[in-house]
PDB file of N, CA and C in Angstrom:
ATOM      1  N   MET A   1      12.199 -14.112  -1.578  1.00  0.00           N
ATOM      2  CA  MET A   1      11.093 -14.544  -0.754  1.00  0.00           C
ATOM      3  C   MET A   1       9.883 -13.647  -1.009  1.00  0.00           C
ATOM      4  N   ALA A   2       8.749 -14.247  -1.291  1.00  0.00           N
ATOM      5  CA  ALA A   2       7.534 -13.513  -1.591  1.00  0.00           C
ATOM      6  C   ALA A   2       6.926 -12.912  -0.321  1.00  0.00           C
ATOM      7  N   MET A   3       6.060 -11.925  -0.526  1.00  0.00           N
ATOM      8  CA  MET A   3       5.412 -11.252   0.591  1.00  0.00           C
ATOM      9  C   MET A   3       3.918 -11.528   0.534  1.00  0.00           C
ATOM     10  N   ASP A   4       3.334 -11.822   1.656  1.00  0.00           N
ATOM     11  CA  ASP A   4       1.913 -12.133   1.759  1.00  0.00           C
ATOM     12  C   ASP A   4       1.084 -10.850   1.775  1.00  0.00           C
ATOM     13  N   ALA A   5      -0.089 -10.884   1.137  1.00  0.00           N
ATOM     14  CA  ALA A   5      -0.978  -9.716   1.095  1.00  0.00           C
ATOM     15  C   ALA A   5      -1.359  -9.251   2.494  1.00  0.00           C
ATOM     16  N   SER A   6      -1.523 -10.165   3.422  1.00  0.00           N
ATOM     17  CA  SER A   6      -1.889  -9.778   4.786  1.00  0.00           C
ATOM     18  C   SER A   6      -0.767  -8.996   5.461  1.00  0.00           C
ATOM     19  N   GLU A   7       0.474  -9.298   5.119  1.00  0.00           N
ATOM     20  CA  GLU A   7       1.618  -8.562   5.658  1.00  0.00           C
ATOM     21  C   GLU A   7       1.647  -7.139   5.092  1.00  0.00           C
ATOM     22  N   ILE A   8       1.355  -7.006   3.811  1.00  0.00           N
ATOM     23  CA  ILE A   8       1.281  -5.677   3.196  1.00  0.00           C
ATOM     24  C   ILE A   8       0.212  -4.846   3.902  1.00  0.00           C
ATOM     25  N   GLU A   9      -0.956  -5.443   4.084  1.00  0.00           N
ATOM     26  CA  GLU A   9      -2.048  -4.739   4.743  1.00  0.00           C
ATOM     27  C   GLU A   9      -1.672  -4.360   6.180  1.00  0.00           C
ATOM     28  N   ARG A  10      -1.048  -5.265   6.912  1.00  0.00           N
ATOM     29  CA  ARG A  10      -0.663  -4.997   8.295  1.00  0.00           C
ATOM     30  C   ARG A  10       0.291  -3.809   8.389  1.00  0.00           C
ATOM     31  N   LEU A  11       1.285  -3.777   7.520  1.00  0.00           N
ATOM     32  CA  LEU A  11       2.259  -2.688   7.539  1.00  0.00           C
ATOM     33  C   LEU A  11       1.613  -1.343   7.216  1.00  0.00           C
ATOM     34  N   ILE A  12       0.723  -1.343   6.234  1.00  0.00           N
ATOM     35  CA  ILE A  12       0.040  -0.094   5.877  1.00  0.00           C
ATOM     36  C   ILE A  12      -0.853   0.362   7.027  1.00  0.00           C
ATOM     37  N   LYS A  13      -1.574  -0.580   7.645  1.00  0.00           N
ATOM     38  CA  LYS A  13      -2.463  -0.246   8.763  1.00  0.00           C
ATOM     39  C   LYS A  13      -1.695   0.295   9.966  1.00  0.00           C
ATOM     40  N   GLU A  14      -0.472  -0.180  10.182  1.00  0.00           N
ATOM     41  CA  GLU A  14       0.352   0.344  11.274  1.00  0.00           C
ATOM     42  C   GLU A  14       0.605   1.834  11.089  1.00  0.00           C
ATOM     43  N   ALA A  15       0.870   2.241   9.858  1.00  0.00           N
ATOM     44  CA  ALA A  15       1.177   3.644   9.563  1.00  0.00           C
ATOM     45  C   ALA A  15      -0.080   4.481   9.349  1.00  0.00           C
ATOM     46  N   LEU A  16      -1.118   3.861   8.789  1.00  0.00           N
ATOM     47  CA  LEU A  16      -2.357   4.567   8.459  1.00  0.00           C
ATOM     48  C   LEU A  16      -3.538   3.774   9.022  1.00  0.00           C
ATOM     49  N   PRO A  17      -3.775   3.882  10.328  1.00  0.00           N
ATOM     50  CA  PRO A  17      -4.774   3.024  10.984  1.00  0.00           C
ATOM     51  C   PRO A  17      -6.187   3.108  10.416  1.00  0.00           C
ATOM     52  N   ASP A  18      -6.551   4.255   9.832  1.00  0.00           N
ATOM     53  CA  ASP A  18      -7.909   4.406   9.296  1.00  0.00           C
ATOM     54  C   ASP A  18      -8.039   3.894   7.858  1.00  0.00           C
ATOM     55  N   ALA A  19      -6.945   3.441   7.278  1.00  0.00           N
ATOM     56  CA  ALA A  19      -6.931   3.096   5.857  1.00  0.00           C
ATOM     57  C   ALA A  19      -7.895   1.954   5.521  1.00  0.00           C
ATOM     58  N   ARG A  20      -8.558   2.132   4.386  1.00  0.00           N
ATOM     59  CA  ARG A  20      -9.316   1.035   3.765  1.00  0.00           C
ATOM     60  C   ARG A  20      -8.426   0.530   2.641  1.00  0.00           C
ATOM     61  N   ILE A  21      -8.137  -0.748   2.679  1.00  0.00           N
ATOM     62  CA  ILE A  21      -7.132  -1.316   1.782  1.00  0.00           C
ATOM     63  C   ILE A  21      -7.716  -2.488   1.013  1.00  0.00           C
ATOM     64  N   THR A  22      -7.498  -2.475  -0.293  1.00  0.00           N
ATOM     65  CA  THR A  22      -7.853  -3.598  -1.150  1.00  0.00           C
ATOM     66  C   THR A  22      -6.581  -4.040  -1.843  1.00  0.00           C
ATOM     67  N   ILE A  23      -6.258  -5.321  -1.735  1.00  0.00           N
ATOM     68  CA  ILE A  23      -5.032  -5.842  -2.339  1.00  0.00           C
ATOM     69  C   ILE A  23      -5.371  -7.007  -3.246  1.00  0.00           C
ATOM     70  N   GLU A  24      -4.769  -7.003  -4.423  1.00  0.00           N
ATOM     71  CA  GLU A  24      -4.957  -8.091  -5.390  1.00  0.00           C
ATOM     72  C   GLU A  24      -3.585  -8.633  -5.781  1.00  0.00           C
ATOM     73  N   ASP A  25      -3.436  -9.943  -5.706  1.00  0.00           N
ATOM     74  CA  ASP A  25      -2.207 -10.607  -6.142  1.00  0.00           C
ATOM     75  C   ASP A  25      -2.323 -10.807  -7.651  1.00  0.00           C
ATOM     76  N   LEU A  26      -1.619  -9.996  -8.409  1.00  0.00           N
ATOM     77  CA  LEU A  26      -1.789  -9.982  -9.871  1.00  0.00           C
ATOM     78  C   LEU A  26      -1.303 -11.241 -10.565  1.00  0.00           C
ATOM     79  N   GLY A  27      -0.233 -11.834 -10.047  1.00  0.00           N
ATOM     80  CA  GLY A  27       0.329 -13.001 -10.725  1.00  0.00           C
ATOM     81  C   GLY A  27       0.123 -14.301  -9.980  1.00  0.00           C
ATOM     82  N   GLY A  28      -0.453 -14.229  -8.790  1.00  0.00           N
ATOM     83  CA  GLY A  28      -0.616 -15.421  -7.981  1.00  0.00           C
ATOM     84  C   GLY A  28       0.700 -15.937  -7.411  1.00  0.00           C
ATOM     85  N   ASP A  29       1.732 -15.086  -7.501  1.00  0.00           N
ATOM     86  CA  ASP A  29       3.060 -15.518  -7.079  1.00  0.00           C
ATOM     87  C   ASP A  29       3.564 -14.812  -5.819  1.00  0.00           C
ATOM     88  N   GLY A  30       2.758 -13.884  -5.276  1.00  0.00           N
ATOM     89  CA  GLY A  30       3.175 -13.157  -4.091  1.00  0.00           C
ATOM     90  C   GLY A  30       4.243 -12.116  -4.355  1.00  0.00           C
ATOM     91  N   ASP A  31       4.507 -11.824  -5.608  1.00  0.00           N
ATOM     92  CA  ASP A  31       5.533 -10.848  -5.969  1.00  0.00           C
ATOM     93  C   ASP A  31       4.972  -9.594  -6.629  1.00  0.00           C
ATOM     94  N   HIS A  32       3.802  -9.713  -7.242  1.00  0.00           N
ATOM     95  CA  HIS A  32       3.224  -8.612  -8.009  1.00  0.00           C
ATOM     96  C   HIS A  32       1.813  -8.342  -7.500  1.00  0.00           C
ATOM     97  N   TYR A  33       1.646  -7.190  -6.856  1.00  0.00           N
ATOM     98  CA  TYR A  33       0.362  -6.840  -6.268  1.00  0.00           C
ATOM     99  C   TYR A  33      -0.158  -5.519  -6.824  1.00  0.00           C
ATOM    100  N   ALA A  34      -1.464  -5.368  -6.749  1.00  0.00           N
ATOM    101  CA  ALA A  34      -2.120  -4.079  -6.957  1.00  0.00           C
ATOM    102  C   ALA A  34      -2.805  -3.756  -5.646  1.00  0.00           C
ATOM    103  N   ALA A  35      -2.691  -2.515  -5.208  1.00  0.00           N
ATOM    104  CA  ALA A  35      -3.308  -2.112  -3.952  1.00  0.00           C
ATOM    105  C   ALA A  35      -4.016  -0.781  -4.121  1.00  0.00           C
ATOM    106  N   GLN A  36      -5.188  -0.695  -3.511  1.00  0.00           N
ATOM    107  CA  GLN A  36      -5.896   0.576  -3.413  1.00  0.00           C
ATOM    108  C   GLN A  36      -5.934   0.930  -1.930  1.00  0.00           C
ATOM    109  N   VAL A  37      -5.495   2.142  -1.609  1.00  0.00           N
ATOM    110  CA  VAL A  37      -5.447   2.591  -0.221  1.00  0.00           C
ATOM    111  C   VAL A  37      -6.196   3.916  -0.124  1.00  0.00           C
ATOM    112  N   ILE A  38      -7.191   3.953   0.744  1.00  0.00           N
ATOM    113  CA  ILE A  38      -7.988   5.153   0.972  1.00  0.00           C
ATOM    114  C   ILE A  38      -7.806   5.539   2.437  1.00  0.00           C
ATOM    115  N   SER A  39      -7.387   6.779   2.680  1.00  0.00           N
ATOM    116  CA  SER A  39      -7.127   7.220   4.044  1.00  0.00           C
ATOM    117  C   SER A  39      -7.344   8.720   4.173  1.00  0.00           C
ATOM    118  N   ALA A  40      -7.873   9.138   5.316  1.00  0.00           N
ATOM    119  CA  ALA A  40      -8.024  10.565   5.610  1.00  0.00           C
ATOM    120  C   ALA A  40      -6.663  11.256   5.692  1.00  0.00           C
ATOM    121  N   ALA A  41      -5.623  10.501   5.991  1.00  0.00           N
ATOM    122  CA  ALA A  41      -4.272  11.066   6.094  1.00  0.00           C
ATOM    123  C   ALA A  41      -3.777  11.613   4.755  1.00  0.00           C
ATOM    124  N   PHE A  42      -4.401  11.226   3.666  1.00  0.00           N
ATOM    125  CA  PHE A  42      -4.003  11.687   2.336  1.00  0.00           C
ATOM    126  C   PHE A  42      -4.588  13.052   1.985  1.00  0.00           C
ATOM    127  N   ALA A  43      -5.517  13.560   2.776  1.00  0.00           N
ATOM    128  CA  ALA A  43      -6.164  14.838   2.478  1.00  0.00           C
ATOM    129  C   ALA A  43      -5.114  15.942   2.366  1.00  0.00           C
ATOM    130  N   GLY A  44      -5.209  16.712   1.286  1.00  0.00           N
ATOM    131  CA  GLY A  44      -4.288  17.820   1.071  1.00  0.00           C
ATOM    132  C   GLY A  44      -2.924  17.423   0.548  1.00  0.00           C
ATOM    133  N   LYS A  45      -2.702  16.149   0.326  1.00  0.00           N
ATOM    134  CA  LYS A  45      -1.422  15.646  -0.172  1.00  0.00           C
ATOM    135  C   LYS A  45      -1.518  15.393  -1.681  1.00  0.00           C
ATOM    136  N   THR A  46      -0.393  15.579  -2.369  1.00  0.00           N
ATOM    137  CA  THR A  46      -0.352  15.231  -3.787  1.00  0.00           C
ATOM    138  C   THR A  46      -0.349  13.709  -3.923  1.00  0.00           C
ATOM    139  N   ARG A  47      -0.613  13.223  -5.110  1.00  0.00           N
ATOM    140  CA  ARG A  47      -0.582  11.782  -5.358  1.00  0.00           C
ATOM    141  C   ARG A  47       0.794  11.213  -5.034  1.00  0.00           C
ATOM    142  N   VAL A  48       1.833  11.938  -5.399  1.00  0.00           N
ATOM    143  CA  VAL A  48       3.198  11.486  -5.115  1.00  0.00           C
ATOM    144  C   VAL A  48       3.413  11.372  -3.603  1.00  0.00           C
ATOM    145  N   GLN A  49       2.968  12.366  -2.839  1.00  0.00           N
ATOM    146  CA  GLN A  49       3.109  12.322  -1.385  1.00  0.00           C
ATOM    147  C   GLN A  49       2.326  11.159  -0.790  1.00  0.00           C
ATOM    148  N   GLN A  50       1.134  10.898  -1.325  1.00  0.00           N
ATOM    149  CA  GLN A  50       0.329   9.770  -0.855  1.00  0.00           C
ATOM    150  C   GLN A  50       1.073   8.460  -1.077  1.00  0.00           C
ATOM    151  N   HIS A  51       1.630   8.289  -2.257  1.00  0.00           N
ATOM    152  CA  HIS A  51       2.370   7.064  -2.573  1.00  0.00           C
ATOM    153  C   HIS A  51       3.603   6.940  -1.683  1.00  0.00           C
ATOM    154  N   GLN A  52       4.283   8.059  -1.442  1.00  0.00           N
ATOM    155  CA  GLN A  52       5.451   8.025  -0.563  1.00  0.00           C
ATOM    156  C   GLN A  52       5.068   7.559   0.834  1.00  0.00           C
ATOM    157  N   MET A  53       3.916   7.982   1.315  1.00  0.00           N
ATOM    158  CA  MET A  53       3.446   7.565   2.640  1.00  0.00           C
ATOM    159  C   MET A  53       3.259   6.053   2.695  1.00  0.00           C
ATOM    160  N   VAL A  54       2.690   5.488   1.632  1.00  0.00           N
ATOM    161  CA  VAL A  54       2.478   4.035   1.592  1.00  0.00           C
ATOM    162  C   VAL A  54       3.818   3.312   1.488  1.00  0.00           C
ATOM    163  N   TYR A  55       4.703   3.797   0.626  1.00  0.00           N
ATOM    164  CA  TYR A  55       6.010   3.153   0.497  1.00  0.00           C
ATOM    165  C   TYR A  55       6.797   3.211   1.805  1.00  0.00           C
ATOM    166  N   GLN A  56       6.700   4.319   2.527  1.00  0.00           N
ATOM    167  CA  GLN A  56       7.356   4.419   3.835  1.00  0.00           C
ATOM    168  C   GLN A  56       6.769   3.394   4.802  1.00  0.00           C
ATOM    169  N   ALA A  57       5.466   3.191   4.731  1.00  0.00           N
ATOM    170  CA  ALA A  57       4.806   2.211   5.599  1.00  0.00           C
ATOM    171  C   ALA A  57       5.328   0.800   5.321  1.00  0.00           C
ATOM    172  N   LEU A  58       5.710   0.544   4.079  1.00  0.00           N
ATOM    173  CA  LEU A  58       6.191  -0.794   3.696  1.00  0.00           C
ATOM    174  C   LEU A  58       7.663  -1.002   4.038  1.00  0.00           C
ATOM    175  N   LYS A  59       8.278   0.003   4.634  1.00  0.00           N
ATOM    176  CA  LYS A  59       9.608  -0.108   5.240  1.00  0.00           C
ATOM    177  C   LYS A  59      10.676  -0.709   4.322  1.00  0.00           C
ATOM    178  N   GLY A  60      10.738  -0.217   3.086  1.00  0.00           N
ATOM    179  CA  GLY A  60      11.794  -0.629   2.175  1.00  0.00           C
ATOM    180  C   GLY A  60      11.627  -1.995   1.530  1.00  0.00           C
ATOM    181  N   ARG A  61      10.471  -2.596   1.686  1.00  0.00           N
ATOM    182  CA  ARG A  61      10.280  -3.938   1.125  1.00  0.00           C
ATOM    183  C   ARG A  61       9.957  -3.935  -0.370  1.00  0.00           C
ATOM    184  N   VAL A  62       9.493  -2.790  -0.901  1.00  0.00           N
ATOM    185  CA  VAL A  62       9.201  -2.716  -2.328  1.00  0.00           C
ATOM    186  C   VAL A  62      10.516  -2.796  -3.090  1.00  0.00           C
ATOM    187  N   GLY A  63      10.565  -3.691  -4.063  1.00  0.00           N
ATOM    188  CA  GLY A  63      11.785  -3.919  -4.823  1.00  0.00           C
ATOM    189  C   GLY A  63      12.602  -5.065  -4.261  1.00  0.00           C
ATOM    190  N   GLY A  64      12.257  -5.507  -3.060  1.00  0.00           N
ATOM    191  CA  GLY A  64      12.941  -6.643  -2.436  1.00  0.00           C
ATOM    192  C   GLY A  64      11.955  -7.785  -2.277  1.00  0.00           C
ATOM    193  N   GLU A  65      11.442  -7.943  -1.039  1.00  0.00           N
ATOM    194  CA  GLU A  65      10.442  -8.992  -0.779  1.00  0.00           C
ATOM    195  C   GLU A  65       9.199  -8.801  -1.644  1.00  0.00           C
ATOM    196  N   LEU A  66       8.857  -7.542  -1.855  1.00  0.00           N
ATOM    197  CA  LEU A  66       7.694  -7.192  -2.675  1.00  0.00           C
ATOM    198  C   LEU A  66       8.224  -6.642  -3.986  1.00  0.00           C
ATOM    199  N   HIS A  67       8.197  -7.465  -5.014  1.00  0.00           N
ATOM    200  CA  HIS A  67       8.834  -7.109  -6.279  1.00  0.00           C
ATOM    201  C   HIS A  67       8.174  -5.903  -6.939  1.00  0.00           C
ATOM    202  N   ALA A  68       6.826  -5.899  -7.005  1.00  0.00           N
ATOM    203  CA  ALA A  68       6.132  -4.820  -7.698  1.00  0.00           C
ATOM    204  C   ALA A  68       4.795  -4.537  -7.031  1.00  0.00           C
ATOM    205  N   LEU A  69       4.456  -3.248  -6.960  1.00  0.00           N
ATOM    206  CA  LEU A  69       3.193  -2.828  -6.377  1.00  0.00           C
ATOM    207  C   LEU A  69       2.586  -1.738  -7.241  1.00  0.00           C
ATOM    208  N   ALA A  70       1.454  -2.049  -7.886  1.00  0.00           N
ATOM    209  CA  ALA A  70       0.681  -1.057  -8.618  1.00  0.00           C
ATOM    210  C   ALA A  70      -0.224  -0.393  -7.584  1.00  0.00           C
ATOM    211  N   LEU A  71      -0.009   0.877  -7.340  1.00  0.00           N
ATOM    212  CA  LEU A  71      -0.637   1.551  -6.218  1.00  0.00           C
ATOM    213  C   LEU A  71      -1.616   2.622  -6.666  1.00  0.00           C
ATOM    214  N   GLN A  72      -2.805   2.604  -6.068  1.00  0.00           N
ATOM    215  CA  GLN A  72      -3.788   3.659  -6.237  1.00  0.00           C
ATOM    216  C   GLN A  72      -4.113   4.184  -4.852  1.00  0.00           C
ATOM    217  N   THR A  73      -4.074   5.502  -4.686  1.00  0.00           N
ATOM    218  CA  THR A  73      -4.389   6.099  -3.394  1.00  0.00           C
ATOM    219  C   THR A  73      -5.416   7.201  -3.585  1.00  0.00           C
ATOM    220  N   GLN A  74      -6.155   7.466  -2.517  1.00  0.00           N
ATOM    221  CA  GLN A  74      -7.062   8.608  -2.523  1.00  0.00           C
ATOM    222  C   GLN A  74      -7.446   8.952  -1.098  1.00  0.00           C
ATOM    223  N   PRO A  75      -7.745  10.232  -0.857  1.00  0.00           N
ATOM    224  CA  PRO A  75      -8.184  10.627   0.467  1.00  0.00           C
ATOM    225  C   PRO A  75      -9.572  10.067   0.750  1.00  0.00           C
ATOM    226  N   ALA A  76      -9.821   9.760   2.010  1.00  0.00           N
ATOM    227  CA  ALA A  76     -11.147   9.285   2.417  1.00  0.00           C
ATOM    228  C   ALA A  76     -12.111  10.465   2.364  1.00  0.00           C
ATOM    229  N   GLU A  77     -13.311  10.185   1.918  1.00  0.00           N
ATOM    230  CA  GLU A  77     -14.350  11.221   1.912  1.00  0.00           C
ATOM    231  C   GLU A  77     -15.109  11.140   3.209  1.00  0.00           C
ATOM    232  N   ASP A  78     -15.483  12.291   3.741  1.00  0.00           N
ATOM    233  CA  ASP A  78     -16.228  12.319   5.009  1.00  0.00           C
ATOM    234  C   ASP A  78     -17.599  11.719   4.885  1.00  0.00           C
TER     235      ASP A  78
END
């Protein structure tokens, strides 16, 4: 079962309320997305830690409902 981009955004926003999120459906199939997530919560975190935060927000759906996610993260600038 495919996952809707709005569901991805909702889950990320639940965990990172200040996040600015851009999502692109790469294949038009609801299985392969690219996402850019910018959040102040990423400040002082490594890229790996930032990605882990997003994956935790998605509650184990990556690899299941969400087949693939190309992820870019960065801390929000003041």
